[in-house]
């Protein structure tokens, strides 16, 4: 009679792949889309498929905070140098239209 070993089965459940700054911010836009501050960029991820769908490259300074308006159309991005940029999510290319 031989010896048998039993092992717990490992079942990989999926990967999130969201990369963010250690002092950054994550904000949900919809049930599927979230915005993540990553160094000097803001990345948008579709959490359902686990892929990056868009990004904002607005400054060469690190992003310190991101905040959405109540209707989720406008996005304010604060940088470590004290500037704030306001973006309209409905515009082409997520261009900033106010820099403070």
PDB file of N, CA and C in Angstrom:
ATOM      1  N   UNK A   1       0.848  -1.163   0.000  1.00  0.00           N
ATOM      2  CA  UNK A   1       0.000   0.000   0.000  1.00  0.00           C
ATOM      3  C   UNK A   1       0.903   1.238   0.000  1.00  0.00           C
ATOM      4  N   UNK A   2       0.694   2.138  -0.980  1.00  0.00           N
ATOM      5  CA  UNK A   2       1.537   3.322  -1.103  1.00  0.00           C
ATOM      6  C   UNK A   2       1.020   4.493  -0.281  1.00  0.00           C
ATOM      7  N   UNK A   3       1.905   5.409  -0.012  1.00  0.00           N
ATOM      8  CA  UNK A   3       1.537   6.626   0.704  1.00  0.00           C
ATOM      9  C   UNK A   3       1.037   7.673  -0.284  1.00  0.00           C
ATOM     10  N   UNK A   4       0.022   8.371   0.092  1.00  0.00           N
ATOM     11  CA  UNK A   4      -0.488   9.459  -0.746  1.00  0.00           C
ATOM     12  C   UNK A   4      -0.476  10.741   0.058  1.00  0.00           C
ATOM     13  N   UNK A   5      -0.248  11.842  -0.627  1.00  0.00           N
ATOM     14  CA  UNK A   5      -0.273  13.154   0.014  1.00  0.00           C
ATOM     15  C   UNK A   5      -1.469  13.925  -0.528  1.00  0.00           C
ATOM     16  N   UNK A   6      -2.084  14.655   0.342  1.00  0.00           N
ATOM     17  CA  UNK A   6      -3.194  15.496  -0.077  1.00  0.00           C
ATOM     18  C   UNK A   6      -2.757  16.950   0.018  1.00  0.00           C
ATOM     19  N   UNK A   7      -3.041  17.698  -1.011  1.00  0.00           N
ATOM     20  CA  UNK A   7      -2.685  19.104  -1.052  1.00  0.00           C
ATOM     21  C   UNK A   7      -3.955  19.931  -1.216  1.00  0.00           C
ATOM     22  N   UNK A   8      -3.916  21.124  -0.632  1.00  0.00           N
ATOM     23  CA  UNK A   8      -5.010  22.056  -0.875  1.00  0.00           C
ATOM     24  C   UNK A   8      -4.897  22.558  -2.311  1.00  0.00           C
ATOM     25  N   UNK A   9      -6.003  22.671  -2.947  1.00  0.00           N
ATOM     26  CA  UNK A   9      -6.012  23.107  -4.336  1.00  0.00           C
ATOM     27  C   UNK A   9      -6.000  24.629  -4.391  1.00  0.00           C
ATOM     28  N   UNK A  10      -5.152  25.196  -5.210  1.00  0.00           N
ATOM     29  CA  UNK A  10      -5.073  26.637  -5.411  1.00  0.00           C
ATOM     30  C   UNK A  10      -5.863  26.989  -6.662  1.00  0.00           C
ATOM     31  N   UNK A  11      -6.827  27.860  -6.506  1.00  0.00           N
ATOM     32  CA  UNK A  11      -7.622  28.321  -7.646  1.00  0.00           C
ATOM     33  C   UNK A  11      -7.426  29.827  -7.786  1.00  0.00           C
ATOM     34  N   UNK A  12      -6.733  30.235  -8.849  1.00  0.00           N
ATOM     35  CA  UNK A  12      -6.487  31.657  -9.087  1.00  0.00           C
ATOM     36  C   UNK A  12      -7.809  32.336  -9.418  1.00  0.00           C
ATOM     37  N   UNK A  13      -8.127  33.392  -8.678  1.00  0.00           N
ATOM     38  CA  UNK A  13      -9.424  34.039  -8.803  1.00  0.00           C
ATOM     39  C   UNK A  13      -9.385  35.264  -9.706  1.00  0.00           C
ATOM     40  N   UNK A  14      -8.223  35.676 -10.166  1.00  0.00           N
ATOM     41  CA  UNK A  14      -8.146  36.856 -11.021  1.00  0.00           C
ATOM     42  C   UNK A  14      -7.118  37.836 -10.503  1.00  0.00           C
ATOM     43  N   UNK A  15      -6.814  38.806 -11.315  1.00  0.00           N
ATOM     44  CA  UNK A  15      -5.813  39.795 -10.965  1.00  0.00           C
ATOM     45  C   UNK A  15      -6.387  41.176 -11.184  1.00  0.00           C
ATOM     46  N   UNK A  16      -6.123  42.058 -10.270  1.00  0.00           N
ATOM     47  CA  UNK A  16      -6.647  43.413 -10.356  1.00  0.00           C
ATOM     48  C   UNK A  16      -5.746  44.298 -11.224  1.00  0.00           C
ATOM     49  N   UNK A  17      -4.434  44.219 -11.031  1.00  0.00           N
ATOM     50  CA  UNK A  17      -3.450  44.981 -11.803  1.00  0.00           C
ATOM     51  C   UNK A  17      -3.601  46.491 -11.708  1.00  0.00           C
ATOM     52  N   UNK A  18      -4.141  47.018 -10.643  1.00  0.00           N
ATOM     53  CA  UNK A  18      -4.231  48.454 -10.481  1.00  0.00           C
ATOM     54  C   UNK A  18      -2.960  48.927  -9.801  1.00  0.00           C
ATOM     55  N   UNK A  19      -2.208  49.788 -10.473  1.00  0.00           N
ATOM     56  CA  UNK A  19      -0.971  50.325  -9.924  1.00  0.00           C
ATOM     57  C   UNK A  19      -1.239  51.756  -9.500  1.00  0.00           C
ATOM     58  N   UNK A  20      -0.891  52.081  -8.259  1.00  0.00           N
ATOM     59  CA  UNK A  20      -1.148  53.411  -7.729  1.00  0.00           C
ATOM     60  C   UNK A  20       0.035  53.879  -6.908  1.00  0.00           C
ATOM     61  N   UNK A  21       0.088  55.174  -6.663  1.00  0.00           N
ATOM     62  CA  UNK A  21       1.102  55.728  -5.779  1.00  0.00           C
ATOM     63  C   UNK A  21       0.789  55.325  -4.352  1.00  0.00           C
ATOM     64  N   UNK A  22       1.833  55.189  -3.548  1.00  0.00           N
ATOM     65  CA  UNK A  22       1.619  54.778  -2.156  1.00  0.00           C
ATOM     66  C   UNK A  22       0.854  55.829  -1.369  1.00  0.00           C
ATOM     67  N   UNK A  23       0.988  57.089  -1.733  1.00  0.00           N
ATOM     68  CA  UNK A  23       0.239  58.151  -1.055  1.00  0.00           C
ATOM     69  C   UNK A  23      -0.888  58.674  -1.930  1.00  0.00           C
ATOM     70  N   UNK A  24      -1.282  57.896  -2.923  1.00  0.00           N
ATOM     71  CA  UNK A  24      -2.275  58.337  -3.893  1.00  0.00           C
ATOM     72  C   UNK A  24      -3.705  58.088  -3.473  1.00  0.00           C
ATOM     73  N   UNK A  25      -4.597  58.304  -4.430  1.00  0.00           N
ATOM     74  CA  UNK A  25      -6.029  58.217  -4.198  1.00  0.00           C
ATOM     75  C   UNK A  25      -6.667  57.289  -5.222  1.00  0.00           C
ATOM     76  N   UNK A  26      -7.694  56.569  -4.799  1.00  0.00           N
ATOM     77  CA  UNK A  26      -8.511  55.756  -5.694  1.00  0.00           C
ATOM     78  C   UNK A  26      -9.947  56.235  -5.546  1.00  0.00           C
ATOM     79  N   UNK A  27     -10.621  56.496  -6.670  1.00  0.00           N
ATOM     80  CA  UNK A  27     -12.000  56.977  -6.624  1.00  0.00           C
ATOM     81  C   UNK A  27     -12.838  56.218  -7.644  1.00  0.00           C
ATOM     82  N   UNK A  28     -14.000  55.758  -7.226  1.00  0.00           N
ATOM     83  CA  UNK A  28     -14.916  55.053  -8.127  1.00  0.00           C
ATOM     84  C   UNK A  28     -15.708  56.071  -8.932  1.00  0.00           C
ATOM     85  N   UNK A  29     -15.790  55.834 -10.237  1.00  0.00           N
ATOM     86  CA  UNK A  29     -16.587  56.697 -11.106  1.00  0.00           C
ATOM     87  C   UNK A  29     -17.944  56.055 -11.336  1.00  0.00           C
ATOM     88  N   UNK A  30     -17.929  54.811 -11.774  1.00  0.00           N
ATOM     89  CA  UNK A  30     -19.144  54.025 -11.969  1.00  0.00           C
ATOM     90  C   UNK A  30     -18.941  52.692 -11.263  1.00  0.00           C
ATOM     91  N   UNK A  31     -19.864  51.776 -11.485  1.00  0.00           N
ATOM     92  CA  UNK A  31     -19.709  50.444 -10.899  1.00  0.00           C
ATOM     93  C   UNK A  31     -18.495  49.715 -11.461  1.00  0.00           C
ATOM     94  N   UNK A  32     -18.092  50.053 -12.692  1.00  0.00           N
ATOM     95  CA  UNK A  32     -16.995  49.344 -13.351  1.00  0.00           C
ATOM     96  C   UNK A  32     -15.697  50.135 -13.444  1.00  0.00           C
ATOM     97  N   UNK A  33     -15.768  51.459 -13.464  1.00  0.00           N
ATOM     98  CA  UNK A  33     -14.603  52.297 -13.729  1.00  0.00           C
ATOM     99  C   UNK A  33     -14.136  52.986 -12.452  1.00  0.00           C
ATOM    100  N   UNK A  34     -12.803  52.969 -12.238  1.00  0.00           N
ATOM    101  CA  UNK A  34     -12.226  53.712 -11.118  1.00  0.00           C
ATOM    102  C   UNK A  34     -11.058  54.544 -11.630  1.00  0.00           C
ATOM    103  N   UNK A  35     -10.761  55.626 -10.919  1.00  0.00           N
ATOM    104  CA  UNK A  35      -9.628  56.497 -11.227  1.00  0.00           C
ATOM    105  C   UNK A  35      -8.592  56.314 -10.134  1.00  0.00           C
ATOM    106  N   UNK A  36      -7.325  56.219 -10.531  1.00  0.00           N
ATOM    107  CA  UNK A  36      -6.241  55.944  -9.600  1.00  0.00           C
ATOM    108  C   UNK A  36      -5.116  56.933  -9.860  1.00  0.00           C
ATOM    109  N   UNK A  37      -4.637  57.600  -8.804  1.00  0.00           N
ATOM    110  CA  UNK A  37      -3.476  58.469  -8.976  1.00  0.00           C
ATOM    111  C   UNK A  37      -2.219  57.617  -8.931  1.00  0.00           C
ATOM    112  N   UNK A  38      -1.392  57.769  -9.961  1.00  0.00           N
ATOM    113  CA  UNK A  38      -0.158  56.992 -10.080  1.00  0.00           C
ATOM    114  C   UNK A  38       0.960  57.931 -10.509  1.00  0.00           C
ATOM    115  N   UNK A  39       1.800  58.316  -9.563  1.00  0.00           N
ATOM    116  CA  UNK A  39       2.883  59.286  -9.789  1.00  0.00           C
ATOM    117  C   UNK A  39       2.295  60.585 -10.320  1.00  0.00           C
ATOM    118  N   UNK A  40       2.680  61.015 -11.531  1.00  0.00           N
ATOM    119  CA  UNK A  40       2.162  62.280 -12.056  1.00  0.00           C
ATOM    120  C   UNK A  40       0.969  62.096 -12.981  1.00  0.00           C
ATOM    121  N   UNK A  41       0.412  60.905 -13.042  1.00  0.00           N
ATOM    122  CA  UNK A  41      -0.715  60.601 -13.927  1.00  0.00           C
ATOM    123  C   UNK A  41      -1.941  60.163 -13.129  1.00  0.00           C
ATOM    124  N   UNK A  42      -3.084  60.189 -13.806  1.00  0.00           N
ATOM    125  CA  UNK A  42      -4.306  59.590 -13.272  1.00  0.00           C
ATOM    126  C   UNK A  42      -4.713  58.515 -14.268  1.00  0.00           C
ATOM    127  N   UNK A  43      -4.804  57.286 -13.802  1.00  0.00           N
ATOM    128  CA  UNK A  43      -5.186  56.168 -14.667  1.00  0.00           C
ATOM    129  C   UNK A  43      -6.635  55.802 -14.408  1.00  0.00           C
ATOM    130  N   UNK A  44      -7.337  55.405 -15.460  1.00  0.00           N
ATOM    131  CA  UNK A  44      -8.712  54.943 -15.361  1.00  0.00           C
ATOM    132  C   UNK A  44      -8.733  53.465 -15.710  1.00  0.00           C
ATOM    133  N   UNK A  45      -9.291  52.659 -14.824  1.00  0.00           N
ATOM    134  CA  UNK A  45      -9.326  51.212 -15.012  1.00  0.00           C
ATOM    135  C   UNK A  45     -10.758  50.717 -15.074  1.00  0.00           C
ATOM    136  N   UNK A  46     -11.001  49.781 -15.980  1.00  0.00           N
ATOM    137  CA  UNK A  46     -12.256  49.047 -16.003  1.00  0.00           C
ATOM    138  C   UNK A  46     -12.040  47.829 -15.122  1.00  0.00           C
ATOM    139  N   UNK A  47     -12.649  47.821 -13.960  1.00  0.00           N
ATOM    140  CA  UNK A  47     -12.418  46.758 -12.987  1.00  0.00           C
ATOM    141  C   UNK A  47     -13.069  45.442 -13.404  1.00  0.00           C
ATOM    142  N   UNK A  48     -14.044  45.513 -14.283  1.00  0.00           N
ATOM    143  CA  UNK A  48     -14.709  44.290 -14.729  1.00  0.00           C
ATOM    144  C   UNK A  48     -13.798  43.450 -15.623  1.00  0.00           C
ATOM    145  N   UNK A  49     -13.045  44.125 -16.498  1.00  0.00           N
ATOM    146  CA  UNK A  49     -12.145  43.399 -17.389  1.00  0.00           C
ATOM    147  C   UNK A  49     -10.687  43.494 -16.942  1.00  0.00           C
ATOM    148  N   UNK A  50     -10.400  44.330 -15.922  1.00  0.00           N
ATOM    149  CA  UNK A  50      -9.054  44.439 -15.378  1.00  0.00           C
ATOM    150  C   UNK A  50      -8.051  45.119 -16.288  1.00  0.00           C
ATOM    151  N   UNK A  51      -8.498  46.117 -17.066  1.00  0.00           N
ATOM    152  CA  UNK A  51      -7.603  46.798 -17.991  1.00  0.00           C
ATOM    153  C   UNK A  51      -7.680  48.306 -17.826  1.00  0.00           C
ATOM    154  N   UNK A  52      -6.557  48.977 -18.145  1.00  0.00           N
ATOM    155  CA  UNK A  52      -6.527  50.431 -18.141  1.00  0.00           C
ATOM    156  C   UNK A  52      -7.233  50.918 -19.395  1.00  0.00           C
ATOM    157  N   UNK A  53      -8.178  51.849 -19.238  1.00  0.00           N
ATOM    158  CA  UNK A  53      -8.961  52.321 -20.376  1.00  0.00           C
ATOM    159  C   UNK A  53      -8.618  53.751 -20.779  1.00  0.00           C
ATOM    160  N   UNK A  54      -7.991  54.515 -19.893  1.00  0.00           N
ATOM    161  CA  UNK A  54      -7.644  55.897 -20.213  1.00  0.00           C
ATOM    162  C   UNK A  54      -6.653  56.406 -19.180  1.00  0.00           C
ATOM    163  N   UNK A  55      -6.061  57.559 -19.450  1.00  0.00           N
ATOM    164  CA  UNK A  55      -5.181  58.183 -18.471  1.00  0.00           C
ATOM    165  C   UNK A  55      -5.100  59.671 -18.727  1.00  0.00           C
ATOM    166  N   UNK A  56      -4.735  60.407 -17.686  1.00  0.00           N
ATOM    167  CA  UNK A  56      -4.503  61.843 -17.773  1.00  0.00           C
ATOM    168  C   UNK A  56      -3.034  62.077 -17.460  1.00  0.00           C
ATOM    169  N   UNK A  57      -2.363  62.781 -18.360  1.00  0.00           N
ATOM    170  CA  UNK A  57      -0.982  63.208 -18.130  1.00  0.00           C
ATOM    171  C   UNK A  57      -1.007  64.725 -18.141  1.00  0.00           C
ATOM    172  N   UNK A  58      -1.167  65.336 -16.972  1.00  0.00           N
ATOM    173  CA  UNK A  58      -1.366  66.773 -16.939  1.00  0.00           C
ATOM    174  C   UNK A  58      -0.220  67.586 -16.407  1.00  0.00           C
ATOM    175  N   UNK A  59       0.719  66.972 -15.717  1.00  0.00           N
ATOM    176  CA  UNK A  59       1.780  67.727 -15.068  1.00  0.00           C
ATOM    177  C   UNK A  59       2.993  66.833 -14.909  1.00  0.00           C
ATOM    178  N   UNK A  60       4.127  67.437 -14.585  1.00  0.00           N
ATOM    179  CA  UNK A  60       5.303  66.633 -14.274  1.00  0.00           C
ATOM    180  C   UNK A  60       5.494  66.485 -12.769  1.00  0.00           C
ATOM    181  N   UNK A  61       4.537  66.971 -11.989  1.00  0.00           N
ATOM    182  CA  UNK A  61       4.540  66.820 -10.529  1.00  0.00           C
ATOM    183  C   UNK A  61       3.617  65.674 -10.138  1.00  0.00           C
ATOM    184  N   UNK A  62       3.870  65.087  -8.978  1.00  0.00           N
ATOM    185  CA  UNK A  62       3.057  63.952  -8.515  1.00  0.00           C
ATOM    186  C   UNK A  62       1.646  64.386  -8.144  1.00  0.00           C
ATOM    187  N   UNK A  63       0.688  63.523  -8.436  1.00  0.00           N
ATOM    188  CA  UNK A  63      -0.710  63.753  -8.062  1.00  0.00           C
ATOM    189  C   UNK A  63      -0.856  63.460  -6.576  1.00  0.00           C
ATOM    190  N   UNK A  64      -1.448  64.395  -5.843  1.00  0.00           N
ATOM    191  CA  UNK A  64      -1.653  64.171  -4.413  1.00  0.00           C
ATOM    192  C   UNK A  64      -3.092  63.795  -4.091  1.00  0.00           C
ATOM    193  N   UNK A  65      -4.048  64.262  -4.900  1.00  0.00           N
ATOM    194  CA  UNK A  65      -5.449  63.922  -4.634  1.00  0.00           C
ATOM    195  C   UNK A  65      -6.281  64.052  -5.909  1.00  0.00           C
ATOM    196  N   UNK A  66      -7.357  63.294  -5.962  1.00  0.00           N
ATOM    197  CA  UNK A  66      -8.337  63.422  -7.040  1.00  0.00           C
ATOM    198  C   UNK A  66      -9.726  63.442  -6.414  1.00  0.00           C
ATOM    199  N   UNK A  67     -10.608  64.236  -7.003  1.00  0.00           N
ATOM    200  CA  UNK A  67     -11.967  64.353  -6.471  1.00  0.00           C
ATOM    201  C   UNK A  67     -12.921  64.611  -7.622  1.00  0.00           C
ATOM    202  N   UNK A  68     -14.054  63.910  -7.610  1.00  0.00           N
ATOM    203  CA  UNK A  68     -15.072  64.064  -8.644  1.00  0.00           C
ATOM    204  C   UNK A  68     -16.187  64.970  -8.170  1.00  0.00           C
ATOM    205  N   UNK A  69     -16.842  65.635  -9.138  1.00  0.00           N
ATOM    206  CA  UNK A  69     -18.038  66.409  -8.827  1.00  0.00           C
ATOM    207  C   UNK A  69     -19.173  65.440  -8.513  1.00  0.00           C
ATOM    208  N   UNK A  70     -20.261  65.954  -8.002  1.00  0.00           N
ATOM    209  CA  UNK A  70     -21.398  65.116  -7.619  1.00  0.00           C
ATOM    210  C   UNK A  70     -21.969  64.291  -8.758  1.00  0.00           C
ATOM    211  N   UNK A  71     -21.973  64.858  -9.971  1.00  0.00           N
ATOM    212  CA  UNK A  71     -22.511  64.128 -11.123  1.00  0.00           C
ATOM    213  C   UNK A  71     -21.445  63.314 -11.855  1.00  0.00           C
ATOM    214  N   UNK A  72     -20.220  63.284 -11.330  1.00  0.00           N
ATOM    215  CA  UNK A  72     -19.094  62.501 -11.864  1.00  0.00           C
ATOM    216  C   UNK A  72     -18.614  62.977 -13.233  1.00  0.00           C
ATOM    217  N   UNK A  73     -19.031  64.168 -13.661  1.00  0.00           N
ATOM    218  CA  UNK A  73     -18.577  64.674 -14.960  1.00  0.00           C
ATOM    219  C   UNK A  73     -17.221  65.365 -14.850  1.00  0.00           C
ATOM    220  N   UNK A  74     -17.035  66.143 -13.787  1.00  0.00           N
ATOM    221  CA  UNK A  74     -15.809  66.920 -13.638  1.00  0.00           C
ATOM    222  C   UNK A  74     -14.875  66.258 -12.636  1.00  0.00           C
ATOM    223  N   UNK A  75     -13.587  66.330 -12.933  1.00  0.00           N
ATOM    224  CA  UNK A  75     -12.561  65.729 -12.091  1.00  0.00           C
ATOM    225  C   UNK A  75     -11.546  66.800 -11.728  1.00  0.00           C
ATOM    226  N   UNK A  76     -11.333  67.004 -10.427  1.00  0.00           N
ATOM    227  CA  UNK A  76     -10.298  67.917  -9.948  1.00  0.00           C
ATOM    228  C   UNK A  76      -9.098  67.084  -9.526  1.00  0.00           C
ATOM    229  N   UNK A  77      -7.932  67.455 -10.037  1.00  0.00           N
ATOM    230  CA  UNK A  77      -6.694  66.750  -9.720  1.00  0.00           C
ATOM    231  C   UNK A  77      -5.761  67.735  -9.033  1.00  0.00           C
ATOM    232  N   UNK A  78      -5.350  67.396  -7.806  1.00  0.00           N
ATOM    233  CA  UNK A  78      -4.416  68.229  -7.054  1.00  0.00           C
ATOM    234  C   UNK A  78      -3.019  67.644  -7.124  1.00  0.00           C
ATOM    235  N   UNK A  79      -2.031  68.512  -7.291  1.00  0.00           N
ATOM    236  CA  UNK A  79      -0.638  68.089  -7.414  1.00  0.00           C
ATOM    237  C   UNK A  79       0.161  68.562  -6.203  1.00  0.00           C
ATOM    238  N   UNK A  80       1.310  67.940  -5.962  1.00  0.00           N
ATOM    239  CA  UNK A  80       2.113  68.248  -4.778  1.00  0.00           C
ATOM    240  C   UNK A  80       2.684  69.660  -4.802  1.00  0.00           C
ATOM    241  N   UNK A  81       2.751  70.301  -5.966  1.00  0.00           N
ATOM    242  CA  UNK A  81       3.258  71.674  -6.026  1.00  0.00           C
ATOM    243  C   UNK A  81       2.175  72.702  -5.719  1.00  0.00           C
ATOM    244  N   UNK A  82       0.960  72.246  -5.401  1.00  0.00           N
ATOM    245  CA  UNK A  82      -0.126  73.142  -5.022  1.00  0.00           C
ATOM    246  C   UNK A  82      -1.083  73.492  -6.145  1.00  0.00           C
ATOM    247  N   UNK A  83      -0.801  73.103  -7.370  1.00  0.00           N
ATOM    248  CA  UNK A  83      -1.713  73.408  -8.471  1.00  0.00           C
ATOM    249  C   UNK A  83      -2.864  72.407  -8.495  1.00  0.00           C
ATOM    250  N   UNK A  84      -3.978  72.870  -9.015  1.00  0.00           N
ATOM    251  CA  UNK A  84      -5.161  72.031  -9.194  1.00  0.00           C
ATOM    252  C   UNK A  84      -5.631  72.199 -10.626  1.00  0.00           C
ATOM    253  N   UNK A  85      -5.923  71.100 -11.278  1.00  0.00           N
ATOM    254  CA  UNK A  85      -6.449  71.133 -12.644  1.00  0.00           C
ATOM    255  C   UNK A  85      -7.839  70.519 -12.637  1.00  0.00           C
ATOM    256  N   UNK A  86      -8.742  71.142 -13.383  1.00  0.00           N
ATOM    257  CA  UNK A  86     -10.113  70.666 -13.491  1.00  0.00           C
ATOM    258  C   UNK A  86     -10.315  70.093 -14.890  1.00  0.00           C
ATOM    259  N   UNK A  87     -10.809  68.865 -14.957  1.00  0.00           N
ATOM    260  CA  UNK A  87     -11.003  68.164 -16.227  1.00  0.00           C
ATOM    261  C   UNK A  87     -12.484  67.870 -16.432  1.00  0.00           C
ATOM    262  N   UNK A  88     -12.905  67.928 -17.697  1.00  0.00           N
ATOM    263  CA  UNK A  88     -14.262  67.559 -18.084  1.00  0.00           C
ATOM    264  C   UNK A  88     -14.187  66.174 -18.713  1.00  0.00           C
ATOM    265  N   UNK A  89     -14.787  65.181 -18.094  1.00  0.00           N
ATOM    266  CA  UNK A  89     -14.727  63.808 -18.599  1.00  0.00           C
ATOM    267  C   UNK A  89     -15.448  63.634 -19.928  1.00  0.00           C
ATOM    268  N   UNK A  90     -16.367  64.536 -20.249  1.00  0.00           N
ATOM    269  CA  UNK A  90     -17.125  64.419 -21.499  1.00  0.00           C
ATOM    270  C   UNK A  90     -16.369  64.999 -22.691  1.00  0.00           C
ATOM    271  N   UNK A  91     -15.301  65.764 -22.452  1.00  0.00           N
ATOM    272  CA  UNK A  91     -14.551  66.356 -23.563  1.00  0.00           C
ATOM    273  C   UNK A  91     -13.612  65.324 -24.175  1.00  0.00           C
ATOM    274  N   UNK A  92     -13.210  65.573 -25.402  1.00  0.00           N
ATOM    275  CA  UNK A  92     -12.284  64.664 -26.082  1.00  0.00           C
ATOM    276  C   UNK A  92     -10.899  64.786 -25.464  1.00  0.00           C
ATOM    277  N   UNK A  93     -10.311  63.676 -25.106  1.00  0.00           N
ATOM    278  CA  UNK A  93      -8.954  63.657 -24.598  1.00  0.00           C
ATOM    279  C   UNK A  93      -8.784  64.101 -23.159  1.00  0.00           C
ATOM    280  N   UNK A  94      -9.857  64.308 -22.430  1.00  0.00           N
ATOM    281  CA  UNK A  94      -9.795  64.736 -21.031  1.00  0.00           C
ATOM    282  C   UNK A  94      -8.859  65.925 -20.848  1.00  0.00           C
ATOM    283  N   UNK A  95      -9.048  66.963 -21.633  1.00  0.00           N
ATOM    284  CA  UNK A  95      -8.201  68.141 -21.545  1.00  0.00           C
ATOM    285  C   UNK A  95      -8.635  69.010 -20.372  1.00  0.00           C
ATOM    286  N   UNK A  96      -7.640  69.576 -19.667  1.00  0.00           N
ATOM    287  CA  UNK A  96      -7.973  70.458 -18.552  1.00  0.00           C
ATOM    288  C   UNK A  96      -8.409  71.802 -19.107  1.00  0.00           C
ATOM    289  N   UNK A  97      -9.390  72.400 -18.463  1.00  0.00           N
ATOM    290  CA  UNK A  97      -9.829  73.701 -18.923  1.00  0.00           C
ATOM    291  C   UNK A  97      -9.672  74.766 -17.863  1.00  0.00           C
ATOM    292  N   UNK A  98      -9.315  74.382 -16.647  1.00  0.00           N
ATOM    293  CA  UNK A  98      -9.013  75.349 -15.594  1.00  0.00           C
ATOM    294  C   UNK A  98      -7.788  74.844 -14.845  1.00  0.00           C
ATOM    295  N   UNK A  99      -6.799  75.723 -14.709  1.00  0.00           N
ATOM    296  CA  UNK A  99      -5.617  75.407 -13.901  1.00  0.00           C
ATOM    297  C   UNK A  99      -5.521  76.468 -12.825  1.00  0.00           C
ATOM    298  N   UNK A 100      -5.479  76.039 -11.561  1.00  0.00           N
ATOM    299  CA  UNK A 100      -5.397  76.985 -10.444  1.00  0.00           C
ATOM    300  C   UNK A 100      -4.081  76.822  -9.729  1.00  0.00           C
TER     301      UNK A 100
END
